[in-house]
């Protein structure tokens, strides 16, 4: 019996060490190794027919489309690591023809340091127990029926 419990606990511990690989964004068809277009010949319609709807279309500029694809690897409770990134940018002219195709990968990205400051807010800091027991003893809000007060009837 002790051996069975030990094996179950050991298996549970090992399950937390398993890495999880995920793929997000645009997935290329079998046999494709990159997205490409002929400048001056391909149009928005031909790109849509060939690759489908883009991952990102900027809201104020429909003359630039992005197809994004990236893979991540996560282990237990650690932050996931991006293992690969592939971004293709299609630029179009006023007639909808392709004028530029740019490709970016993981090496083209930049690390951005986020500011760790917090904006102070007004109010009271509640302890765990104040949050847990804060609503004990309060009456529930009235339900249904007529509402009293200004404009609400008698």
N, C-alpha and C. Protein backbone atom coordinates (compact mmCIF):
# COMPACT_ATOMS: atom_id res chain seq x y z
N UNK A 1 0.82 -1.19 0.00
CA UNK A 1 0.00 0.00 0.00
C UNK A 1 0.87 1.26 0.00
N UNK A 2 1.93 1.27 0.79
CA UNK A 2 2.84 2.41 0.86
C UNK A 2 3.51 2.62 -0.49
N UNK A 3 3.86 1.54 -1.17
CA UNK A 3 4.49 1.65 -2.49
C UNK A 3 3.56 2.31 -3.49
N UNK A 4 2.30 1.95 -3.46
CA UNK A 4 1.32 2.53 -4.40
C UNK A 4 1.20 4.03 -4.15
N UNK A 5 1.09 4.44 -2.88
CA UNK A 5 0.99 5.86 -2.56
C UNK A 5 2.26 6.59 -3.00
N UNK A 6 3.43 5.98 -2.77
CA UNK A 6 4.69 6.58 -3.18
C UNK A 6 4.73 6.76 -4.70
N UNK A 7 4.30 5.76 -5.45
CA UNK A 7 4.31 5.83 -6.92
C UNK A 7 3.36 6.93 -7.40
N UNK A 8 2.20 7.06 -6.78
CA UNK A 8 1.24 8.09 -7.18
C UNK A 8 1.80 9.48 -6.89
N UNK A 9 2.38 9.68 -5.72
CA UNK A 9 2.97 10.97 -5.37
C UNK A 9 4.14 11.28 -6.30
N UNK A 10 4.99 10.30 -6.57
CA UNK A 10 6.13 10.50 -7.45
C UNK A 10 5.67 10.87 -8.87
N UNK A 11 4.62 10.21 -9.37
CA UNK A 11 4.08 10.51 -10.70
C UNK A 11 3.50 11.93 -10.73
N UNK A 12 2.84 12.35 -9.66
CA UNK A 12 2.28 13.70 -9.61
C UNK A 12 3.38 14.75 -9.62
N UNK A 13 4.46 14.49 -8.90
CA UNK A 13 5.58 15.43 -8.87
C UNK A 13 6.22 15.52 -10.25
N UNK A 14 6.40 14.40 -10.91
CA UNK A 14 6.99 14.41 -12.25
C UNK A 14 6.08 15.10 -13.27
N UNK A 15 4.76 14.99 -13.10
CA UNK A 15 3.83 15.62 -14.03
C UNK A 15 3.99 17.14 -14.02
N UNK A 16 4.35 17.71 -12.87
CA UNK A 16 4.57 19.15 -12.79
C UNK A 16 5.83 19.60 -13.51
N UNK A 17 6.73 18.69 -13.83
CA UNK A 17 7.98 19.04 -14.50
C UNK A 17 7.90 18.90 -16.01
N UNK A 18 6.78 18.42 -16.52
CA UNK A 18 6.62 18.23 -17.95
C UNK A 18 6.47 19.59 -18.64
N UNK A 19 7.17 19.78 -19.73
CA UNK A 19 7.04 21.04 -20.46
C UNK A 19 5.87 20.96 -21.44
N UNK A 20 5.25 22.11 -21.65
CA UNK A 20 4.11 22.20 -22.55
C UNK A 20 4.49 23.11 -23.71
N UNK A 21 4.35 22.61 -24.90
CA UNK A 21 4.66 23.40 -26.09
C UNK A 21 3.35 23.83 -26.74
N UNK A 22 3.26 25.11 -27.06
CA UNK A 22 2.06 25.66 -27.70
C UNK A 22 2.44 26.42 -28.95
N UNK A 23 1.54 26.40 -29.91
CA UNK A 23 1.74 27.14 -31.15
C UNK A 23 0.55 28.07 -31.31
N UNK A 24 0.81 29.35 -31.59
CA UNK A 24 -0.24 30.35 -31.68
C UNK A 24 -0.14 31.09 -33.01
N UNK A 25 -1.27 31.63 -33.44
CA UNK A 25 -1.27 32.48 -34.63
C UNK A 25 -1.45 31.70 -35.92
N UNK A 26 -0.94 32.27 -36.99
CA UNK A 26 -1.07 31.73 -38.32
C UNK A 26 -0.28 30.43 -38.45
N UNK A 27 -0.90 29.41 -39.01
CA UNK A 27 -0.23 28.12 -39.23
C UNK A 27 -0.10 27.92 -40.73
N UNK A 28 1.12 27.71 -41.18
CA UNK A 28 1.36 27.51 -42.61
C UNK A 28 0.88 26.14 -43.06
N UNK A 29 0.47 26.09 -44.29
CA UNK A 29 0.04 24.82 -44.88
C UNK A 29 1.23 23.91 -45.07
N UNK A 30 0.96 22.64 -45.22
CA UNK A 30 2.02 21.68 -45.44
C UNK A 30 2.76 22.00 -46.74
N UNK A 31 4.06 22.03 -46.67
CA UNK A 31 4.87 22.34 -47.85
C UNK A 31 5.28 23.80 -47.93
N UNK A 32 4.63 24.69 -47.16
CA UNK A 32 5.02 26.10 -47.15
C UNK A 32 6.12 26.32 -46.12
N UNK A 33 7.09 27.14 -46.49
CA UNK A 33 8.12 27.48 -45.51
C UNK A 33 8.14 28.97 -45.22
N UNK A 34 7.46 29.78 -46.07
CA UNK A 34 7.34 31.21 -45.82
C UNK A 34 6.17 31.77 -46.62
N UNK A 35 5.71 32.94 -46.20
CA UNK A 35 4.64 33.64 -46.92
C UNK A 35 5.30 34.62 -47.87
N UNK A 36 4.83 34.63 -49.09
CA UNK A 36 5.43 35.52 -50.07
C UNK A 36 4.37 36.04 -51.03
N UNK A 37 4.70 37.15 -51.69
CA UNK A 37 3.81 37.75 -52.67
C UNK A 37 4.65 38.45 -53.72
N UNK A 38 4.11 38.57 -54.92
CA UNK A 38 4.80 39.27 -55.99
C UNK A 38 4.42 40.75 -55.92
N UNK A 39 5.42 41.59 -55.74
CA UNK A 39 5.19 43.02 -55.60
C UNK A 39 4.65 43.58 -56.92
N UNK A 40 3.57 44.36 -56.81
CA UNK A 40 2.94 44.97 -57.98
C UNK A 40 1.94 44.08 -58.68
N UNK A 41 1.94 42.79 -58.39
CA UNK A 41 1.02 41.86 -59.05
C UNK A 41 -0.05 41.36 -58.08
N UNK A 42 0.38 40.87 -56.92
CA UNK A 42 -0.58 40.38 -55.94
C UNK A 42 -1.37 41.54 -55.34
N UNK A 43 -2.64 41.24 -54.99
CA UNK A 43 -3.53 42.23 -54.40
C UNK A 43 -4.04 41.73 -53.06
N UNK A 44 -4.83 42.59 -52.39
CA UNK A 44 -5.44 42.18 -51.12
C UNK A 44 -6.27 40.92 -51.30
N UNK A 45 -7.01 40.85 -52.39
CA UNK A 45 -7.86 39.69 -52.65
C UNK A 45 -7.05 38.42 -52.85
N UNK A 46 -5.94 38.52 -53.57
CA UNK A 46 -5.13 37.32 -53.80
C UNK A 46 -4.43 36.87 -52.52
N UNK A 47 -4.02 37.81 -51.67
CA UNK A 47 -3.42 37.45 -50.39
C UNK A 47 -4.46 36.79 -49.49
N UNK A 48 -5.68 37.34 -49.46
CA UNK A 48 -6.75 36.72 -48.68
C UNK A 48 -7.07 35.32 -49.17
N UNK A 49 -7.10 35.14 -50.49
CA UNK A 49 -7.41 33.82 -51.05
C UNK A 49 -6.30 32.81 -50.75
N UNK A 50 -5.05 33.25 -50.76
CA UNK A 50 -3.93 32.35 -50.55
C UNK A 50 -3.69 32.03 -49.08
N UNK A 51 -3.75 33.06 -48.20
CA UNK A 51 -3.35 32.86 -46.79
C UNK A 51 -4.49 33.05 -45.79
N UNK A 52 -5.63 33.50 -46.25
CA UNK A 52 -6.74 33.71 -45.32
C UNK A 52 -6.66 35.07 -44.65
N UNK A 53 -7.53 35.28 -43.67
CA UNK A 53 -7.60 36.55 -42.95
C UNK A 53 -6.32 36.78 -42.16
N UNK A 54 -5.77 38.01 -42.18
CA UNK A 54 -4.53 38.28 -41.45
C UNK A 54 -4.75 38.24 -39.93
N UNK A 55 -3.67 38.03 -39.20
CA UNK A 55 -3.74 38.01 -37.74
C UNK A 55 -4.06 39.39 -37.19
N UNK A 56 -3.46 40.43 -37.80
CA UNK A 56 -3.65 41.80 -37.33
C UNK A 56 -3.87 42.71 -38.53
N UNK A 57 -4.92 43.53 -38.41
CA UNK A 57 -5.19 44.61 -39.36
C UNK A 57 -5.31 45.88 -38.54
N UNK A 58 -4.37 46.82 -38.65
CA UNK A 58 -4.48 48.04 -37.86
C UNK A 58 -5.81 48.74 -38.13
N UNK A 59 -6.48 49.21 -37.08
CA UNK A 59 -7.83 49.76 -37.25
C UNK A 59 -7.91 51.01 -38.11
N UNK A 60 -6.89 51.85 -38.11
CA UNK A 60 -6.95 53.09 -38.88
C UNK A 60 -6.20 53.03 -40.20
N UNK A 61 -5.58 51.88 -40.51
CA UNK A 61 -4.78 51.77 -41.73
C UNK A 61 -4.95 50.35 -42.27
N UNK A 62 -5.83 50.19 -43.25
CA UNK A 62 -6.06 48.86 -43.82
C UNK A 62 -5.08 48.55 -44.95
N UNK A 63 -4.03 49.35 -45.09
CA UNK A 63 -3.03 49.12 -46.12
C UNK A 63 -1.80 48.39 -45.59
N UNK A 64 -1.89 47.83 -44.40
CA UNK A 64 -0.79 47.07 -43.82
C UNK A 64 -1.40 45.89 -43.06
N UNK A 65 -1.00 44.67 -43.44
CA UNK A 65 -1.51 43.46 -42.80
C UNK A 65 -0.35 42.68 -42.20
N UNK A 66 -0.62 42.01 -41.07
CA UNK A 66 0.39 41.21 -40.40
C UNK A 66 -0.12 39.78 -40.22
N UNK A 67 0.72 38.83 -40.54
CA UNK A 67 0.47 37.42 -40.25
C UNK A 67 1.47 37.00 -39.18
N UNK A 68 0.97 36.61 -38.00
CA UNK A 68 1.82 36.29 -36.86
C UNK A 68 1.79 34.80 -36.57
N UNK A 69 2.91 34.27 -36.15
CA UNK A 69 3.01 32.88 -35.73
C UNK A 69 4.12 32.79 -34.70
N UNK A 70 3.83 32.16 -33.55
CA UNK A 70 4.89 31.97 -32.56
C UNK A 70 4.64 30.71 -31.76
N UNK A 71 5.73 30.18 -31.23
CA UNK A 71 5.70 28.96 -30.42
C UNK A 71 6.26 29.27 -29.04
N UNK A 72 5.65 28.66 -28.02
CA UNK A 72 6.12 28.85 -26.66
C UNK A 72 6.36 27.50 -26.00
N UNK A 73 7.20 27.53 -24.99
CA UNK A 73 7.49 26.33 -24.20
C UNK A 73 7.35 26.73 -22.74
N UNK A 74 6.46 26.06 -22.00
CA UNK A 74 6.23 26.39 -20.59
C UNK A 74 6.52 25.17 -19.74
N UNK A 75 7.06 25.41 -18.57
CA UNK A 75 7.37 24.34 -17.63
C UNK A 75 6.82 24.72 -16.27
N UNK A 76 5.95 23.87 -15.72
CA UNK A 76 5.37 24.03 -14.39
C UNK A 76 4.81 25.43 -14.22
N UNK A 77 5.25 26.14 -13.21
CA UNK A 77 4.72 27.47 -12.88
C UNK A 77 5.59 28.60 -13.40
N UNK A 78 6.62 28.30 -14.17
CA UNK A 78 7.49 29.34 -14.72
C UNK A 78 6.81 30.06 -15.87
N UNK A 79 7.27 31.28 -16.17
CA UNK A 79 6.76 32.01 -17.32
C UNK A 79 7.14 31.27 -18.59
N UNK A 80 6.27 31.24 -19.59
CA UNK A 80 6.61 30.54 -20.83
C UNK A 80 7.71 31.27 -21.60
N UNK A 81 8.55 30.50 -22.27
CA UNK A 81 9.61 31.04 -23.12
C UNK A 81 9.15 30.98 -24.57
N UNK A 82 9.34 32.07 -25.30
CA UNK A 82 9.03 32.07 -26.73
C UNK A 82 10.20 31.43 -27.46
N UNK A 83 9.94 30.32 -28.13
CA UNK A 83 11.01 29.58 -28.80
C UNK A 83 11.17 29.99 -30.25
N UNK A 84 10.08 30.43 -30.90
CA UNK A 84 10.19 30.90 -32.28
C UNK A 84 9.09 31.93 -32.54
N UNK A 85 9.39 32.87 -33.43
CA UNK A 85 8.42 33.89 -33.81
C UNK A 85 8.62 34.18 -35.29
N UNK A 86 7.50 34.28 -36.01
CA UNK A 86 7.54 34.53 -37.44
C UNK A 86 6.44 35.55 -37.75
N UNK A 87 6.83 36.73 -38.23
CA UNK A 87 5.87 37.79 -38.56
C UNK A 87 6.12 38.22 -40.00
N UNK A 88 5.03 38.25 -40.77
CA UNK A 88 5.12 38.73 -42.15
C UNK A 88 4.22 39.94 -42.29
N UNK A 89 4.79 41.01 -42.82
CA UNK A 89 4.06 42.27 -43.01
C UNK A 89 3.86 42.48 -44.51
N UNK A 90 2.60 42.68 -44.91
CA UNK A 90 2.28 43.02 -46.30
C UNK A 90 1.82 44.47 -46.32
N UNK A 91 2.45 45.29 -47.18
CA UNK A 91 2.05 46.69 -47.37
C UNK A 91 1.39 46.81 -48.73
N UNK A 92 0.29 47.57 -48.79
CA UNK A 92 -0.48 47.74 -50.02
C UNK A 92 -0.55 49.21 -50.39
N UNK A 93 -0.70 49.49 -51.71
CA UNK A 93 -0.89 50.85 -52.16
C UNK A 93 -2.39 51.18 -52.18
N UNK A 94 -2.74 52.36 -52.74
CA UNK A 94 -4.14 52.80 -52.75
C UNK A 94 -5.03 51.89 -53.60
N UNK A 95 -4.45 51.23 -54.61
CA UNK A 95 -5.22 50.32 -55.47
C UNK A 95 -5.32 48.92 -54.87
N UNK A 96 -4.67 48.68 -53.74
CA UNK A 96 -4.74 47.36 -53.10
C UNK A 96 -3.68 46.39 -53.58
N UNK A 97 -2.66 46.87 -54.28
CA UNK A 97 -1.59 45.98 -54.75
C UNK A 97 -0.44 45.98 -53.74
N UNK A 98 0.25 44.85 -53.67
CA UNK A 98 1.36 44.70 -52.73
C UNK A 98 2.53 45.57 -53.19
N UNK A 99 3.05 46.39 -52.25
CA UNK A 99 4.21 47.22 -52.56
C UNK A 99 5.44 46.81 -51.73
N UNK A 100 5.22 46.03 -50.66
CA UNK A 100 6.35 45.61 -49.83
C UNK A 100 5.96 44.38 -49.02
N UNK A 101 6.92 43.48 -48.85
CA UNK A 101 6.74 42.31 -47.98
C UNK A 101 7.96 42.26 -47.06
N UNK A 102 7.70 42.30 -45.75
CA UNK A 102 8.80 42.25 -44.78
C UNK A 102 8.59 41.06 -43.85
N UNK A 103 9.68 40.39 -43.51
CA UNK A 103 9.62 39.22 -42.63
C UNK A 103 10.48 39.49 -41.40
N UNK A 104 9.92 39.18 -40.23
CA UNK A 104 10.62 39.36 -38.96
C UNK A 104 10.60 38.04 -38.21
N UNK A 105 11.66 37.80 -37.42
CA UNK A 105 11.71 36.59 -36.60
C UNK A 105 12.07 36.96 -35.17
N UNK A 106 12.37 35.97 -34.36
CA UNK A 106 12.63 36.18 -32.94
C UNK A 106 13.83 37.08 -32.71
N UNK A 107 14.85 37.00 -33.55
CA UNK A 107 16.04 37.82 -33.37
C UNK A 107 15.78 39.30 -33.65
N UNK A 108 14.73 39.62 -34.40
CA UNK A 108 14.40 41.01 -34.72
C UNK A 108 13.67 41.71 -33.58
N UNK A 109 13.20 40.96 -32.59
CA UNK A 109 12.46 41.54 -31.48
C UNK A 109 13.37 42.24 -30.49
N UNK A 110 12.77 43.05 -29.63
CA UNK A 110 13.53 43.77 -28.61
C UNK A 110 12.88 43.51 -27.25
N UNK A 111 13.70 43.43 -26.21
CA UNK A 111 13.20 43.31 -24.85
C UNK A 111 12.81 44.69 -24.35
N UNK A 112 11.66 44.77 -23.73
CA UNK A 112 11.17 46.03 -23.19
C UNK A 112 11.10 45.89 -21.68
N UNK A 113 11.76 46.79 -20.97
CA UNK A 113 11.71 46.79 -19.51
C UNK A 113 10.49 47.59 -19.06
N UNK A 114 9.60 46.91 -18.36
CA UNK A 114 8.40 47.57 -17.88
C UNK A 114 8.69 48.26 -16.55
N UNK A 115 8.02 49.36 -16.32
CA UNK A 115 8.19 50.10 -15.08
C UNK A 115 7.44 49.36 -13.98
N UNK A 116 8.09 49.15 -12.84
CA UNK A 116 7.49 48.40 -11.76
C UNK A 116 6.71 49.24 -10.76
N UNK A 117 6.59 50.54 -11.00
CA UNK A 117 5.87 51.40 -10.06
C UNK A 117 4.37 51.11 -10.14
N UNK A 118 3.68 51.42 -9.04
CA UNK A 118 2.23 51.26 -8.99
C UNK A 118 1.60 52.61 -8.74
N UNK A 119 0.45 52.84 -9.33
CA UNK A 119 -0.28 54.08 -9.11
C UNK A 119 -1.06 53.95 -7.81
N UNK A 120 -0.87 54.87 -6.87
CA UNK A 120 -1.62 54.77 -5.61
C UNK A 120 -3.10 55.06 -5.85
N UNK A 121 -3.93 54.38 -5.11
CA UNK A 121 -5.37 54.58 -5.21
C UNK A 121 -5.92 55.00 -3.86
N UNK A 122 -7.03 55.69 -3.90
CA UNK A 122 -7.67 56.10 -2.66
C UNK A 122 -8.42 54.91 -2.08
N UNK A 123 -8.59 54.93 -0.80
CA UNK A 123 -9.34 53.86 -0.17
C UNK A 123 -8.54 53.20 0.92
N UNK A 124 -9.12 52.20 1.50
CA UNK A 124 -8.52 51.52 2.64
C UNK A 124 -7.95 50.18 2.20
N UNK A 125 -6.78 49.86 2.69
CA UNK A 125 -6.20 48.55 2.46
C UNK A 125 -6.87 47.56 3.41
N UNK A 126 -7.46 46.52 2.88
CA UNK A 126 -8.16 45.53 3.70
C UNK A 126 -7.25 44.33 3.94
N UNK A 127 -7.29 43.83 5.15
CA UNK A 127 -6.55 42.62 5.46
C UNK A 127 -7.33 41.42 4.94
N UNK A 128 -6.72 40.26 5.00
CA UNK A 128 -7.38 39.03 4.56
C UNK A 128 -8.67 38.82 5.33
N UNK A 129 -8.65 38.98 6.64
CA UNK A 129 -9.84 38.72 7.46
C UNK A 129 -10.92 39.76 7.23
N UNK A 130 -10.54 41.03 6.98
CA UNK A 130 -11.54 42.06 6.68
C UNK A 130 -12.23 41.77 5.35
N UNK A 131 -11.49 41.27 4.40
CA UNK A 131 -12.10 40.91 3.12
C UNK A 131 -13.02 39.71 3.27
N UNK A 132 -12.59 38.73 4.04
CA UNK A 132 -13.36 37.50 4.21
C UNK A 132 -14.64 37.74 4.99
N UNK A 133 -14.55 38.53 6.05
CA UNK A 133 -15.70 38.71 6.94
C UNK A 133 -16.37 40.07 6.77
N UNK A 134 -16.00 40.83 5.75
CA UNK A 134 -16.51 42.18 5.57
C UNK A 134 -17.99 42.27 5.32
N UNK A 135 -18.59 41.31 4.69
CA UNK A 135 -20.01 41.40 4.37
C UNK A 135 -20.89 40.63 5.35
N UNK A 136 -20.31 40.06 6.38
CA UNK A 136 -21.09 39.31 7.37
C UNK A 136 -21.94 40.31 8.16
N UNK A 137 -23.23 40.04 8.26
CA UNK A 137 -24.13 40.89 9.03
C UNK A 137 -24.79 41.99 8.24
N UNK A 138 -24.41 42.18 6.98
CA UNK A 138 -25.05 43.20 6.17
C UNK A 138 -26.32 42.64 5.56
N UNK A 139 -27.34 43.48 5.46
CA UNK A 139 -28.61 43.06 4.89
C UNK A 139 -28.52 43.01 3.38
N UNK A 140 -29.23 42.07 2.77
CA UNK A 140 -29.21 42.03 1.29
C UNK A 140 -29.98 43.20 0.71
N UNK A 141 -29.68 43.54 -0.55
CA UNK A 141 -30.36 44.62 -1.24
C UNK A 141 -31.81 44.25 -1.46
N UNK A 142 -32.73 45.23 -1.45
CA UNK A 142 -34.15 44.92 -1.68
C UNK A 142 -34.35 44.39 -3.10
N UNK A 143 -35.28 43.47 -3.24
CA UNK A 143 -35.55 42.85 -4.55
C UNK A 143 -36.97 43.12 -4.98
N UNK A 144 -37.15 43.28 -6.31
CA UNK A 144 -38.48 43.40 -6.91
C UNK A 144 -39.30 44.53 -6.31
N UNK A 145 -40.59 44.48 -6.57
CA UNK A 145 -41.53 45.43 -5.97
C UNK A 145 -41.30 46.85 -6.43
N UNK A 146 -41.93 47.78 -5.72
CA UNK A 146 -41.83 49.18 -6.05
C UNK A 146 -40.62 49.79 -5.39
N UNK A 147 -40.02 50.70 -6.08
CA UNK A 147 -38.88 51.43 -5.57
C UNK A 147 -39.37 52.73 -4.95
N UNK A 148 -38.94 53.05 -3.78
CA UNK A 148 -39.30 54.31 -3.15
C UNK A 148 -38.32 55.39 -3.52
N UNK A 149 -38.63 56.63 -3.21
CA UNK A 149 -37.70 57.71 -3.45
C UNK A 149 -38.15 58.60 -4.58
N UNK A 150 -37.34 59.56 -4.94
CA UNK A 150 -37.70 60.54 -5.97
C UNK A 150 -37.94 59.86 -7.32
N UNK A 151 -39.07 60.13 -7.91
CA UNK A 151 -39.40 59.60 -9.23
C UNK A 151 -39.68 58.12 -9.25
N UNK A 152 -39.60 57.44 -8.14
CA UNK A 152 -39.79 56.01 -8.12
C UNK A 152 -41.13 55.59 -7.53
N UNK A 153 -42.01 56.50 -7.30
CA UNK A 153 -43.33 56.15 -6.75
C UNK A 153 -43.43 56.58 -5.30
N UNK A 154 -44.40 56.04 -4.58
CA UNK A 154 -44.66 56.47 -3.20
C UNK A 154 -43.58 56.10 -2.23
